[in-house]
N, C-alpha and C. Protein backbone atom coordinates (compact mmCIF):
# COMPACT_ATOMS: atom_id res chain seq x y z
N MET A 1 2.95 -34.21 -20.27
CA MET A 1 3.05 -33.56 -19.26
C MET A 1 4.07 -31.93 -19.40
N ARG A 2 4.97 -32.37 -20.42
CA ARG A 2 5.56 -31.06 -20.68
C ARG A 2 4.64 -30.18 -21.65
N VAL A 3 3.48 -30.67 -22.39
CA VAL A 3 3.07 -29.29 -22.87
C VAL A 3 2.08 -29.27 -22.30
N LEU A 4 1.70 -29.81 -21.46
CA LEU A 4 0.59 -29.06 -20.11
C LEU A 4 1.31 -28.11 -19.46
N CYS A 5 2.15 -28.31 -19.18
CA CYS A 5 3.35 -27.52 -18.48
C CYS A 5 3.34 -26.45 -19.60
N ALA A 6 3.65 -26.32 -20.43
CA ALA A 6 3.93 -25.26 -21.60
C ALA A 6 2.69 -24.06 -21.91
N LEU A 7 1.32 -25.05 -22.02
CA LEU A 7 0.12 -24.07 -22.08
C LEU A 7 -0.32 -23.44 -20.48
N ILE A 8 0.24 -23.91 -19.47
CA ILE A 8 -0.08 -22.91 -18.27
C ILE A 8 0.80 -21.76 -17.86
N LEU A 9 2.42 -21.93 -18.54
CA LEU A 9 2.96 -20.90 -18.82
C LEU A 9 2.63 -19.85 -19.94
N LEU A 10 2.05 -20.16 -20.89
CA LEU A 10 1.68 -19.61 -21.72
C LEU A 10 0.12 -18.26 -21.78
N VAL A 11 -0.28 -19.41 -20.66
CA VAL A 11 -1.71 -18.35 -20.22
C VAL A 11 -1.20 -18.02 -19.50
N TYR A 12 -0.73 -18.07 -17.99
CA TYR A 12 0.04 -17.27 -17.29
C TYR A 12 0.69 -16.09 -17.64
N ALA A 13 1.60 -15.81 -18.82
CA ALA A 13 2.05 -14.82 -19.17
C ALA A 13 1.18 -14.33 -20.30
N THR A 14 0.17 -14.52 -20.81
CA THR A 14 -0.58 -14.11 -21.42
C THR A 14 -1.63 -13.17 -20.30
N ALA A 15 -1.90 -13.88 -19.46
CA ALA A 15 -2.68 -13.03 -18.54
C ALA A 15 -1.77 -11.66 -17.82
N ALA A 16 -0.57 -11.54 -17.55
CA ALA A 16 0.05 -10.79 -17.04
C ALA A 16 0.46 -9.95 -18.23
N GLU A 17 0.32 -10.03 -19.08
CA GLU A 17 0.75 -9.13 -20.70
C GLU A 17 -0.70 -7.88 -20.66
N ASP A 18 -1.73 -8.96 -19.84
CA ASP A 18 -3.01 -7.95 -20.28
C ASP A 18 -3.24 -6.87 -19.26
N VAL A 19 -2.16 -7.00 -18.16
CA VAL A 19 -2.09 -5.92 -17.58
C VAL A 19 -1.84 -4.67 -17.69
N THR A 20 -2.54 -3.07 -17.78
CA THR A 20 -1.79 -2.18 -18.06
C THR A 20 -1.31 -1.50 -17.31
N ARG A 21 -0.42 -1.19 -16.92
CA ARG A 21 0.68 -0.69 -16.03
C ARG A 21 1.10 0.79 -16.28
N LYS A 22 0.65 1.90 -16.31
CA LYS A 22 0.63 3.43 -16.41
C LYS A 22 -0.28 4.47 -15.64
N ALA A 23 0.46 5.45 -15.62
CA ALA A 23 -0.22 6.21 -14.38
C ALA A 23 -1.65 6.08 -14.88
N GLY A 24 -2.51 6.14 -13.66
CA GLY A 24 -4.09 6.64 -13.64
C GLY A 24 -4.64 5.40 -13.96
N TYR A 25 -4.16 4.47 -13.90
CA TYR A 25 -4.91 2.83 -13.86
C TYR A 25 -4.26 2.07 -12.44
N CYS A 26 -5.69 1.17 -12.10
CA CYS A 26 -5.79 0.27 -10.82
C CYS A 26 -4.91 -0.87 -11.00
N ALA A 27 -4.50 -1.12 -10.03
CA ALA A 27 -4.81 -3.10 -9.78
C ALA A 27 -5.22 -3.43 -9.22
N THR A 28 -6.26 -2.34 -7.82
CA THR A 28 -7.36 -3.08 -7.60
C THR A 28 -8.05 -2.27 -7.49
N TYR A 29 -9.67 -2.37 -7.10
CA TYR A 29 -10.47 -1.55 -6.69
C TYR A 29 -11.82 -2.40 -6.27
N GLY A 30 -12.36 -1.21 -5.35
CA GLY A 30 -13.72 -1.69 -4.64
C GLY A 30 -13.23 -2.90 -3.38
N ASP A 31 -14.17 -3.06 -2.87
CA ASP A 31 -14.06 -3.98 -1.54
C ASP A 31 -15.38 -5.63 -1.93
N CYS A 32 -14.67 -6.53 -2.04
CA CYS A 32 -14.82 -7.70 -2.08
C CYS A 32 -14.54 -8.60 -1.06
N ASP A 33 -16.06 -8.44 0.02
CA ASP A 33 -15.86 -8.98 1.08
C ASP A 33 -14.69 -9.10 2.28
N GLY A 34 -14.43 -7.57 2.41
CA GLY A 34 -13.26 -7.65 3.22
C GLY A 34 -11.54 -6.94 2.86
N LEU A 35 -12.06 -7.64 1.44
CA LEU A 35 -10.62 -7.56 0.56
C LEU A 35 -11.12 -6.92 -0.23
N PRO A 36 -9.69 -6.51 -1.02
CA PRO A 36 -9.95 -5.27 -2.83
C PRO A 36 -10.27 -6.32 -3.75
N CYS A 37 -10.91 -5.47 -4.31
CA CYS A 37 -11.49 -6.36 -5.63
C CYS A 37 -9.99 -6.14 -6.71
N VAL A 38 -9.57 -7.16 -7.25
CA VAL A 38 -8.71 -7.29 -8.88
C VAL A 38 -9.49 -6.77 -9.54
N SER A 39 -9.21 -5.40 -10.03
CA SER A 39 -9.22 -4.53 -10.83
C SER A 39 -8.38 -3.75 -11.66
N ASN A 40 -8.23 -3.79 -13.03
CA ASN A 40 -7.14 -3.03 -13.77
C ASN A 40 -7.84 -1.82 -14.45
N LYS A 41 -8.99 -1.63 -13.94
CA LYS A 41 -9.47 -0.39 -14.65
C LYS A 41 -9.04 0.71 -14.52
N GLU A 42 -9.02 1.86 -15.23
CA GLU A 42 -8.89 3.28 -14.70
C GLU A 42 -9.52 4.08 -13.59
N ALA A 43 -8.28 4.69 -12.79
CA ALA A 43 -8.74 5.55 -11.73
C ALA A 43 -10.53 6.48 -12.02
N GLU A 44 -11.38 6.42 -10.71
CA GLU A 44 -12.72 6.99 -10.94
C GLU A 44 -12.31 8.47 -9.97
N THR A 45 -13.18 9.47 -10.20
CA THR A 45 -13.48 10.24 -9.40
C THR A 45 -14.43 9.64 -8.05
N LEU A 46 -14.55 10.40 -6.54
CA LEU A 46 -15.32 9.91 -5.83
C LEU A 46 -15.96 11.37 -5.51
N PRO A 47 -17.51 11.14 -4.68
CA PRO A 47 -18.21 12.04 -4.26
C PRO A 47 -17.46 13.24 -3.25
N ALA A 48 -17.90 14.17 -3.56
CA ALA A 48 -17.42 15.29 -2.97
C ALA A 48 -16.92 15.02 -1.54
N GLU A 49 -17.71 14.75 -0.98
CA GLU A 49 -17.64 14.49 0.78
C GLU A 49 -16.61 13.24 0.76
N LYS A 50 -16.43 12.16 0.01
CA LYS A 50 -15.49 11.14 0.47
C LYS A 50 -13.28 11.81 -0.08
N VAL A 51 -13.87 13.08 -0.87
CA VAL A 51 -13.20 13.38 -1.75
C VAL A 51 -12.28 14.46 -0.50
N ALA A 52 -13.25 15.21 0.64
CA ALA A 52 -12.50 16.18 1.58
C ALA A 52 -12.29 15.23 2.62
N ILE A 53 -12.08 13.46 2.70
CA ILE A 53 -11.84 12.93 3.44
C ILE A 53 -9.96 12.84 3.16
N VAL A 54 -10.19 12.06 1.68
CA VAL A 54 -8.99 11.89 1.23
C VAL A 54 -8.05 12.68 1.42
N GLU A 55 -8.33 14.26 0.90
CA GLU A 55 -7.79 15.36 1.48
C GLU A 55 -6.72 15.23 2.71
N GLU A 56 -8.05 15.42 3.47
CA GLU A 56 -7.13 14.92 4.85
C GLU A 56 -6.38 14.60 4.92
N ILE A 57 -6.67 13.18 5.08
CA ILE A 57 -5.45 11.73 5.35
C ILE A 57 -4.39 11.70 4.59
N CYS A 58 -4.61 12.55 3.07
CA CYS A 58 -3.86 11.91 1.86
C CYS A 58 -3.97 12.87 1.07
N PRO A 59 -3.45 13.84 1.05
CA PRO A 59 -3.16 15.47 0.49
C PRO A 59 -2.47 15.16 -0.16
N HIS A 60 -1.58 14.03 -0.54
CA HIS A 60 -0.87 13.80 -2.01
C HIS A 60 -1.44 13.23 -3.05
N LEU A 61 -2.91 12.95 -2.94
CA LEU A 61 -3.51 12.19 -3.72
C LEU A 61 -4.44 13.13 -4.39
N LYS A 62 -4.82 13.13 -5.44
CA LYS A 62 -5.44 14.37 -6.04
C LYS A 62 -6.26 14.03 -7.32
N ASP A 63 -7.60 14.90 -7.61
CA ASP A 63 -8.33 14.18 -8.60
C ASP A 63 -9.05 13.04 -9.07
N LYS A 64 -8.78 12.03 -9.52
CA LYS A 64 -8.69 10.22 -9.14
C LYS A 64 -8.14 9.59 -8.21
N TYR A 65 -9.12 8.64 -7.91
CA TYR A 65 -8.73 7.40 -7.27
C TYR A 65 -9.09 5.62 -7.74
N CYS A 66 -8.40 5.34 -7.18
CA CYS A 66 -8.15 3.54 -7.21
C CYS A 66 -9.25 2.91 -5.85
N CYS A 67 -9.89 3.97 -5.43
CA CYS A 67 -10.82 3.80 -4.50
C CYS A 67 -12.32 3.77 -4.06
N THR A 68 -13.22 3.18 -3.79
CA THR A 68 -14.53 3.43 -3.78
C THR A 68 -15.04 4.49 -2.75
N ALA A 69 -15.99 5.15 -2.01
CA ALA A 69 -16.65 5.74 -1.53
C ALA A 69 -16.46 4.61 -0.24
N GLU A 70 -16.98 3.52 -0.05
CA GLU A 70 -16.71 2.46 0.79
C GLU A 70 -15.41 2.56 1.39
N GLN A 71 -14.38 2.05 0.80
CA GLN A 71 -13.05 1.69 0.49
C GLN A 71 -12.23 3.08 1.46
N VAL A 72 -12.62 4.30 1.28
CA VAL A 72 -12.36 5.94 2.01
C VAL A 72 -12.78 5.49 3.80
N ASP A 73 -14.27 4.90 4.02
CA ASP A 73 -14.27 5.16 5.27
C ASP A 73 -13.68 3.98 5.64
N ILE A 74 -13.29 2.85 5.28
CA ILE A 74 -12.38 1.42 5.31
C ILE A 74 -11.27 2.11 6.11
N MET A 75 -10.69 2.60 4.85
CA MET A 75 -9.05 3.11 4.91
C MET A 75 -9.11 4.52 6.30
N LYS A 76 -10.20 5.36 6.33
CA LYS A 76 -9.91 6.16 7.30
C LYS A 76 -9.80 5.36 8.69
N ASP A 77 -10.61 4.44 9.30
CA ASP A 77 -11.13 4.00 10.63
C ASP A 77 -9.58 3.01 10.62
N LYS A 78 -9.13 2.42 9.61
CA LYS A 78 -7.35 2.13 9.86
C LYS A 78 -6.82 2.94 9.93
N ILE A 79 -6.14 3.97 9.29
CA ILE A 79 -5.67 4.83 9.76
C ILE A 79 -5.81 5.53 10.80
N GLY A 80 -6.97 5.67 11.45
CA GLY A 80 -7.37 6.01 12.93
C GLY A 80 -6.76 5.34 14.04
N THR A 81 -6.43 4.05 13.77
CA THR A 81 -6.17 2.43 14.70
C THR A 81 -4.68 3.27 14.65
N ALA A 82 -4.16 3.67 13.89
CA ALA A 82 -2.56 3.69 13.31
C ALA A 82 -1.81 5.26 14.19
N ASP A 83 -2.97 6.07 13.82
CA ASP A 83 -2.65 7.59 14.37
C ASP A 83 -2.07 7.74 15.97
N SER A 84 -3.09 6.50 16.42
CA SER A 84 -3.37 6.23 17.80
C SER A 84 -2.05 6.07 18.40
N LEU A 85 -1.26 5.21 17.56
CA LEU A 85 -0.16 4.69 18.16
C LEU A 85 1.12 5.86 17.69
N LEU A 86 0.93 6.37 16.99
CA LEU A 86 1.94 7.34 15.95
C LEU A 86 1.92 8.59 16.60
N ASP A 87 1.21 9.20 17.34
CA ASP A 87 0.48 10.46 17.95
C ASP A 87 1.76 11.02 18.58
N SER A 88 2.56 10.63 18.63
CA SER A 88 4.09 11.44 19.84
C SER A 88 4.69 12.25 18.35
N CYS A 89 4.10 11.81 17.57
CA CYS A 89 5.08 12.61 16.48
C CYS A 89 4.26 12.59 15.14
N SER A 90 4.06 13.77 14.96
CA SER A 90 3.01 13.93 13.34
C SER A 90 4.12 13.41 12.32
N ARG A 91 5.14 13.79 12.46
CA ARG A 91 5.70 13.29 10.94
C ARG A 91 5.32 11.58 10.62
N ALA A 92 5.39 11.18 11.78
CA ALA A 92 5.29 9.70 11.67
C ALA A 92 4.04 9.01 11.34
N VAL A 93 2.95 10.04 11.58
CA VAL A 93 1.61 10.29 11.53
C VAL A 93 1.45 10.57 9.70
N THR A 94 2.34 11.58 9.53
CA THR A 94 2.18 11.47 7.63
C THR A 94 2.66 10.68 6.80
N ASN A 95 3.92 9.98 7.66
CA ASN A 95 4.43 9.20 6.71
C ASN A 95 3.66 7.33 6.43
N PHE A 96 3.23 7.61 7.66
CA PHE A 96 2.24 5.87 7.57
C PHE A 96 0.81 6.35 6.94
N ARG A 97 0.44 7.93 7.06
CA ARG A 97 -0.96 7.16 6.26
C ARG A 97 -0.65 7.42 4.66
N SER A 98 0.58 7.93 4.41
CA SER A 98 1.16 7.98 3.11
C SER A 98 1.22 6.72 2.18
N LEU A 99 1.81 5.81 3.23
CA LEU A 99 1.67 4.18 2.62
C LEU A 99 0.52 3.44 2.82
N ILE A 100 -0.44 4.39 3.48
CA ILE A 100 -1.55 2.79 3.49
C ILE A 100 -2.68 3.57 2.31
N CYS A 101 -2.16 5.41 2.41
CA CYS A 101 -2.95 6.05 1.34
C CYS A 101 -2.96 5.43 -0.34
N ASP A 102 -1.49 4.86 -0.51
CA ASP A 102 -1.32 4.81 -1.98
C ASP A 102 -1.41 3.29 -1.63
N LEU A 103 -1.39 2.41 -1.07
CA LEU A 103 -1.79 1.16 -1.17
C LEU A 103 -3.46 1.20 -1.58
N THR A 104 -4.37 2.09 -1.00
CA THR A 104 -5.47 1.61 -1.00
C THR A 104 -6.22 3.16 -1.94
N CYS A 105 -5.42 3.93 -2.35
CA CYS A 105 -6.66 4.80 -3.19
C CYS A 105 -5.68 5.83 -4.39
N SER A 106 -4.69 4.70 -4.44
CA SER A 106 -3.58 6.19 -5.49
C SER A 106 -4.00 5.59 -6.91
N GLN A 107 -3.88 6.55 -7.94
CA GLN A 107 -4.53 6.47 -8.79
C GLN A 107 -3.74 6.23 -9.96
N ASP A 108 -2.78 5.46 -9.08
CA ASP A 108 -1.21 4.93 -10.35
C ASP A 108 -0.71 3.98 -9.39
N GLN A 109 -1.58 3.01 -8.74
CA GLN A 109 -1.40 1.83 -8.26
C GLN A 109 -0.88 1.03 -9.08
N SER A 110 -1.61 0.62 -10.41
CA SER A 110 -0.73 -0.31 -11.33
C SER A 110 0.53 -0.25 -11.30
N LEU A 111 1.26 0.67 -11.47
CA LEU A 111 2.62 1.03 -11.41
C LEU A 111 3.69 0.70 -10.56
N PHE A 112 2.82 0.50 -9.08
CA PHE A 112 3.63 0.09 -7.95
C PHE A 112 3.57 -1.50 -6.93
N LEU A 113 1.91 -1.90 -7.37
CA LEU A 113 1.59 -2.80 -6.90
C LEU A 113 0.92 -4.05 -8.22
N GLU A 114 1.37 -5.27 -7.31
CA GLU A 114 1.38 -6.09 -8.22
C GLU A 114 0.76 -7.23 -7.07
N VAL A 115 -0.71 -7.61 -8.14
CA VAL A 115 -1.58 -8.69 -7.12
C VAL A 115 -1.02 -9.53 -7.50
N THR A 116 -0.26 -10.60 -6.39
CA THR A 116 0.20 -12.11 -6.96
C THR A 116 -0.63 -13.21 -6.00
N GLU A 117 -1.53 -13.52 -5.34
CA GLU A 117 -2.88 -14.27 -5.05
C GLU A 117 -4.15 -13.58 -5.46
N THR A 118 -4.81 -14.52 -5.71
CA THR A 118 -6.28 -14.58 -5.85
C THR A 118 -7.27 -15.03 -5.37
N LYS A 119 -8.28 -14.65 -5.00
CA LYS A 119 -10.02 -16.11 -4.95
C LYS A 119 -10.78 -15.43 -5.96
N GLU A 120 -11.42 -16.61 -6.52
CA GLU A 120 -12.80 -16.13 -7.47
C GLU A 120 -14.06 -16.36 -6.89
N ARG A 121 -14.59 -15.21 -6.26
CA ARG A 121 -16.05 -15.20 -5.82
C ARG A 121 -17.29 -15.82 -6.65
N ASP A 122 -18.02 -16.22 -5.59
CA ASP A 122 -19.05 -16.92 -6.08
C ASP A 122 -20.31 -16.00 -7.43
N ASP A 123 -19.79 -14.40 -7.46
CA ASP A 123 -20.41 -13.64 -8.11
C ASP A 123 -19.42 -13.09 -9.62
N GLY A 124 -18.51 -14.10 -9.74
CA GLY A 124 -17.24 -13.68 -10.32
C GLY A 124 -16.20 -12.82 -10.29
N SER A 125 -16.65 -11.73 -9.12
CA SER A 125 -15.44 -11.01 -8.83
C SER A 125 -14.12 -11.49 -7.86
N VAL A 126 -13.10 -10.91 -8.18
CA VAL A 126 -11.93 -11.70 -7.83
C VAL A 126 -10.99 -11.04 -6.49
N GLN A 127 -11.34 -11.05 -5.80
CA GLN A 127 -10.12 -10.62 -4.73
C GLN A 127 -8.86 -10.91 -4.84
N ALA A 128 -8.01 -9.67 -4.70
CA ALA A 128 -6.53 -10.04 -4.15
C ALA A 128 -6.79 -10.45 -2.55
N LYS A 129 -5.75 -11.16 -2.79
CA LYS A 129 -5.19 -11.94 -1.27
C LYS A 129 -3.98 -11.86 -0.88
N ARG A 130 -2.92 -11.38 -1.85
CA ARG A 130 -1.71 -11.20 -1.72
C ARG A 130 -1.22 -9.70 -2.67
N LEU A 131 -0.37 -9.33 -2.04
CA LEU A 131 0.14 -7.86 -3.10
C LEU A 131 1.39 -7.83 -2.90
N SER A 132 2.30 -7.64 -4.05
CA SER A 132 3.95 -7.23 -3.94
C SER A 132 3.65 -5.42 -4.26
N TYR A 133 4.03 -5.00 -3.50
CA TYR A 133 4.13 -3.39 -3.10
C TYR A 133 5.30 -2.77 -3.19
N TYR A 134 5.80 -2.12 -4.47
CA TYR A 134 7.08 -1.95 -4.83
C TYR A 134 7.74 -0.44 -4.53
N LEU A 135 8.34 -0.24 -2.95
CA LEU A 135 8.85 0.68 -2.92
C LEU A 135 10.36 1.04 -3.16
N SER A 136 10.31 2.25 -2.84
CA SER A 136 11.73 2.82 -3.43
C SER A 136 12.45 2.64 -1.91
N GLN A 137 14.14 2.17 -1.76
CA GLN A 137 14.76 2.37 -0.43
C GLN A 137 14.59 3.96 0.35
N SER A 138 14.51 4.93 -0.61
CA SER A 138 14.24 5.90 -0.04
C SER A 138 12.86 6.39 0.77
N TYR A 139 11.43 5.93 0.17
CA TYR A 139 10.27 6.11 0.34
C TYR A 139 10.24 5.11 2.10
N SER A 140 10.94 3.67 1.79
CA SER A 140 10.76 3.04 2.62
C SER A 140 11.65 3.68 4.08
N ASP A 141 12.54 3.88 3.35
CA ASP A 141 13.55 4.94 4.87
C ASP A 141 12.95 5.84 5.51
N LYS A 142 12.40 6.78 4.99
CA LYS A 142 11.62 7.67 5.39
C LYS A 142 10.53 7.28 6.41
N VAL A 143 9.82 6.40 6.29
CA VAL A 143 8.57 5.64 6.82
C VAL A 143 9.14 5.31 8.09
N TRP A 144 10.04 4.11 8.10
CA TRP A 144 10.69 3.60 9.14
C TRP A 144 11.30 4.28 9.82
N MET A 145 12.09 5.46 9.44
CA MET A 145 13.20 6.20 10.98
C MET A 145 11.73 7.03 11.36
N SER A 146 11.35 7.43 10.57
CA SER A 146 9.94 8.33 11.41
C SER A 146 9.36 7.39 12.29
N ILE A 147 8.94 6.07 12.31
CA ILE A 147 8.35 5.71 13.51
C ILE A 147 8.86 4.59 14.49
N ARG A 148 10.44 4.45 14.04
CA ARG A 148 10.97 3.42 14.62
C ARG A 148 11.34 3.65 16.10
N LYS A 149 11.08 4.83 16.72
CA LYS A 149 10.99 5.50 17.96
C LYS A 149 9.78 5.90 18.61
N THR A 150 8.87 6.12 17.89
CA THR A 150 7.62 6.20 18.70
C THR A 150 6.61 5.43 19.04
N ASN A 151 6.69 3.82 18.85
CA ASN A 151 5.87 2.65 18.90
C ASN A 151 6.19 1.46 18.66
N LYS A 152 7.18 0.65 19.34
CA LYS A 152 6.80 -0.86 18.72
C LYS A 152 6.00 -1.35 18.63
N PHE A 153 4.93 -1.02 19.02
CA PHE A 153 3.70 -2.41 18.91
C PHE A 153 3.43 -2.11 17.32
N ILE A 154 3.45 -0.66 16.61
CA ILE A 154 3.31 -1.49 14.86
C ILE A 154 4.21 -1.76 14.43
N CYS A 155 5.18 -1.95 15.04
CA CYS A 155 6.35 -2.98 14.26
C CYS A 155 6.30 -4.41 15.08
N GLY A 156 5.47 -4.92 15.70
CA GLY A 156 5.59 -6.36 16.22
C GLY A 156 6.43 -6.54 17.19
N ASN A 157 7.15 -6.07 17.16
CA ASN A 157 8.30 -5.96 18.17
C ASN A 157 8.83 -5.27 19.83
N PHE A 158 8.15 -6.32 20.65
CA PHE A 158 8.07 -5.52 21.87
C PHE A 158 9.66 -5.11 22.89
N TRP A 159 9.91 -5.92 22.60
CA TRP A 159 11.36 -6.10 23.28
C TRP A 159 12.75 -5.80 23.04
N SER A 160 12.42 -5.46 21.54
CA SER A 160 13.89 -4.71 21.25
C SER A 160 13.49 -3.48 20.19
N GLU A 161 14.65 -3.24 19.62
CA GLU A 161 14.50 -2.04 19.23
C GLU A 161 13.67 -2.28 17.38
N CYS A 162 13.05 -1.41 16.60
CA CYS A 162 12.65 -1.52 15.68
C CYS A 162 12.83 -1.34 14.41
N SER A 163 13.65 -2.29 14.12
CA SER A 163 13.98 -2.87 12.71
C SER A 163 13.09 -2.21 11.33
N HIS A 164 14.07 -1.84 10.35
CA HIS A 164 13.61 -1.84 8.91
C HIS A 164 12.78 -2.93 8.89
N ASP A 165 13.15 -4.23 8.67
CA ASP A 165 12.43 -5.95 8.61
C ASP A 165 11.06 -5.42 9.49
N ASP A 166 11.35 -5.50 11.04
CA ASP A 166 10.25 -6.00 11.86
C ASP A 166 9.16 -4.83 10.91
N LEU A 167 9.45 -3.56 11.01
CA LEU A 167 8.23 -2.92 10.58
C LEU A 167 7.11 -3.25 9.74
N PHE A 168 8.07 -3.67 8.21
CA PHE A 168 7.67 -4.19 6.57
C PHE A 168 6.95 -5.14 7.19
N SER A 169 8.02 -6.52 7.88
CA SER A 169 6.94 -7.45 7.91
C SER A 169 6.07 -7.59 8.41
N PHE A 170 5.92 -6.60 9.68
CA PHE A 170 4.74 -6.92 10.45
C PHE A 170 3.39 -6.42 9.88
N ILE A 171 3.76 -4.93 9.70
CA ILE A 171 2.34 -4.45 8.95
C ILE A 171 2.18 -5.17 7.77
N GLY A 172 2.83 -5.85 7.21
CA GLY A 172 2.47 -6.43 5.92
C GLY A 172 1.66 -7.75 5.80
N ASN A 173 2.07 -8.44 6.94
CA ASN A 173 1.42 -9.69 7.24
C ASN A 173 1.92 -10.09 9.05
N ASN A 174 0.11 -9.65 9.39
CA ASN A 174 0.32 -10.53 10.95
C ASN A 174 -0.63 -10.87 10.98
N HIS A 175 -1.22 -11.18 12.83
CA HIS A 175 -2.72 -12.07 12.74
C HIS A 175 -3.98 -11.22 12.29
N TRP A 176 -4.07 -9.85 12.65
CA TRP A 176 -4.48 -9.12 11.91
C TRP A 176 -4.69 -8.80 10.41
N THR A 177 -4.14 -8.88 9.69
CA THR A 177 -4.08 -8.34 8.19
C THR A 177 -4.41 -9.43 7.51
N LYS A 178 -6.11 -8.91 6.85
CA LYS A 178 -6.55 -10.28 6.06
C LYS A 178 -5.98 -10.14 4.47
N LEU A 179 -5.59 -8.81 4.14
CA LEU A 179 -4.65 -8.76 3.00
C LEU A 179 -3.42 -8.97 3.38
N LYS A 180 -2.63 -9.76 2.75
CA LYS A 180 -1.22 -9.78 2.75
C LYS A 180 -0.39 -8.92 2.13
N THR A 181 0.51 -8.21 2.83
CA THR A 181 1.33 -7.37 1.69
C THR A 181 2.70 -7.86 1.74
N ASP A 182 3.81 -8.19 0.53
CA ASP A 182 4.99 -8.06 0.50
C ASP A 182 5.24 -7.12 0.10
N TYR A 183 6.11 -6.56 1.46
CA TYR A 183 7.31 -5.13 0.80
C TYR A 183 8.44 -5.39 -0.15
N GLU A 184 8.58 -5.01 -1.41
CA GLU A 184 9.25 -5.34 -2.18
C GLU A 184 10.61 -3.68 -2.14
N ILE A 185 11.48 -3.93 -1.45
CA ILE A 185 11.98 -2.82 -1.46
C ILE A 185 13.46 -2.83 -1.94
N ALA A 186 13.89 -1.99 -2.78
CA ALA A 186 14.81 -1.92 -3.77
C ALA A 186 14.86 -0.19 -4.41
N ASP A 187 16.04 -0.13 -4.66
CA ASP A 187 16.63 1.27 -5.36
C ASP A 187 15.81 1.36 -6.79
N SER A 188 15.75 0.36 -7.52
CA SER A 188 14.74 0.23 -8.87
C SER A 188 13.94 -0.95 -9.01
N PRO A 189 13.01 -0.32 -9.46
CA PRO A 189 11.75 -1.76 -9.49
C PRO A 189 12.25 -2.72 -10.47
N PRO A 190 10.99 -3.48 -10.40
CA PRO A 190 11.39 -4.09 -11.64
C PRO A 190 10.87 -3.77 -12.78
N ALA A 191 10.97 -4.41 -13.92
CA ALA A 191 11.02 -4.29 -15.48
C ALA A 191 9.32 -4.25 -15.05
N GLY A 192 8.69 -2.56 -16.02
CA GLY A 192 7.29 -2.50 -16.47
C GLY A 192 6.67 -1.67 -15.50
N PHE A 193 7.45 -1.59 -13.82
CA PHE A 193 7.08 -0.87 -12.88
C PHE A 193 7.54 0.35 -12.21
N GLU A 194 6.89 1.52 -11.31
CA GLU A 194 7.71 2.33 -11.41
C GLU A 194 7.34 2.77 -9.60
N HIS A 195 8.28 2.93 -8.89
CA HIS A 195 7.96 3.67 -7.64
C HIS A 195 6.96 4.74 -7.53
N ALA A 196 6.36 4.24 -6.16
CA ALA A 196 5.39 5.97 -5.80
C ALA A 196 6.42 7.04 -5.54
N SER A 197 6.00 8.27 -5.69
CA SER A 197 6.75 9.11 -5.38
C SER A 197 6.66 9.36 -3.91
N ASP A 198 8.06 9.99 -3.23
CA ASP A 198 8.34 10.25 -2.11
C ASP A 198 8.88 11.37 -1.64
N ASP A 199 8.43 12.50 -2.61
CA ASP A 199 8.95 13.47 -2.79
C ASP A 199 8.06 14.49 -1.39
N HIS A 200 7.22 14.12 -1.33
CA HIS A 200 5.77 14.61 0.09
C HIS A 200 6.24 14.70 1.20
N LEU A 201 7.02 13.42 1.28
CA LEU A 201 7.76 12.81 2.63
C LEU A 201 8.88 13.50 3.39
N ALA A 202 8.96 13.11 4.12
CA ALA A 202 10.15 13.68 5.21
C ALA A 202 10.54 12.98 6.43
N CYS A 203 12.34 13.31 6.82
CA CYS A 203 11.99 12.73 8.07
C CYS A 203 13.41 13.50 8.34
N GLU A 204 13.09 14.72 9.63
CA GLU A 204 13.95 15.42 10.25
C GLU A 204 14.87 15.27 10.92
N GLU A 205 16.48 15.09 10.94
CA GLU A 205 17.50 14.84 12.32
C GLU A 205 17.37 15.81 12.75
N ALA A 206 16.96 17.10 12.73
CA ALA A 206 17.18 18.25 13.88
C ALA A 206 15.68 18.08 14.67
N ALA A 207 15.43 16.95 14.83
CA ALA A 207 13.51 17.21 14.98
C ALA A 207 13.72 16.56 16.45
N GLU A 208 12.95 17.25 17.24
CA GLU A 208 13.49 16.56 19.30
C GLU A 208 12.79 15.09 19.62
N GLY A 209 13.45 14.92 20.07
CA GLY A 209 12.71 13.68 20.59
C GLY A 209 12.40 12.15 19.72
N VAL A 210 11.16 11.81 20.29
CA VAL A 210 11.38 10.58 19.19
C VAL A 210 10.89 11.04 17.52
N CYS A 211 10.91 12.18 17.30
CA CYS A 211 10.47 12.30 15.94
C CYS A 211 12.12 12.41 15.27
N ASN A 212 13.43 12.45 15.96
CA ASN A 212 14.58 12.86 15.45
C ASN A 212 14.76 11.44 14.18
N CYS A 213 15.15 11.88 13.27
CA CYS A 213 15.58 10.59 12.69
C CYS A 213 17.16 10.42 12.68
N ALA A 214 17.87 10.80 13.09
CA ALA A 214 19.04 10.63 13.43
C ALA A 214 19.42 9.14 13.47
């Protein structure tokens, strides 16, 4: 029994070591029946008409992407639903879009996404069923603080204030999310990972109304 356990751990460790974690590499790529396909390939270019969509909703992403043309269309539809909930604050829209854009299309996915649960399909492709998304405290705070006063529905909490935990727990795992995402938020990522940049995000304390981040 001990030998069997040791062999299982060895296989798992070897598989983990085979993952390339560096800029320009994906953790997922392509759609596998409504879930992203596990793929540690290099990021690729998109057709010009899809680049135009990405540049509109994810202007911080450039050149190559870890998503297909089909995934760009799916992302656009999903982001449109979130936009309608957050349209009272343009900064909330921008920050939330960034969170989803990085998850779906960032060319550096392998640095901050880890596939933690999979399912092999009959055609040999592998679905990513669950992810760990390593976010810096700064990134998560900018997203949460810009959203918390706009619409409680996006936090799944209808009767009280939207807390930081409410937001990331709900958007990562609710009745409507087929892909389950654990937002792992800390000042430093685990060894071998890097946080996605949040330099393009902001949350202004001087803003008026629901956009005020104070």
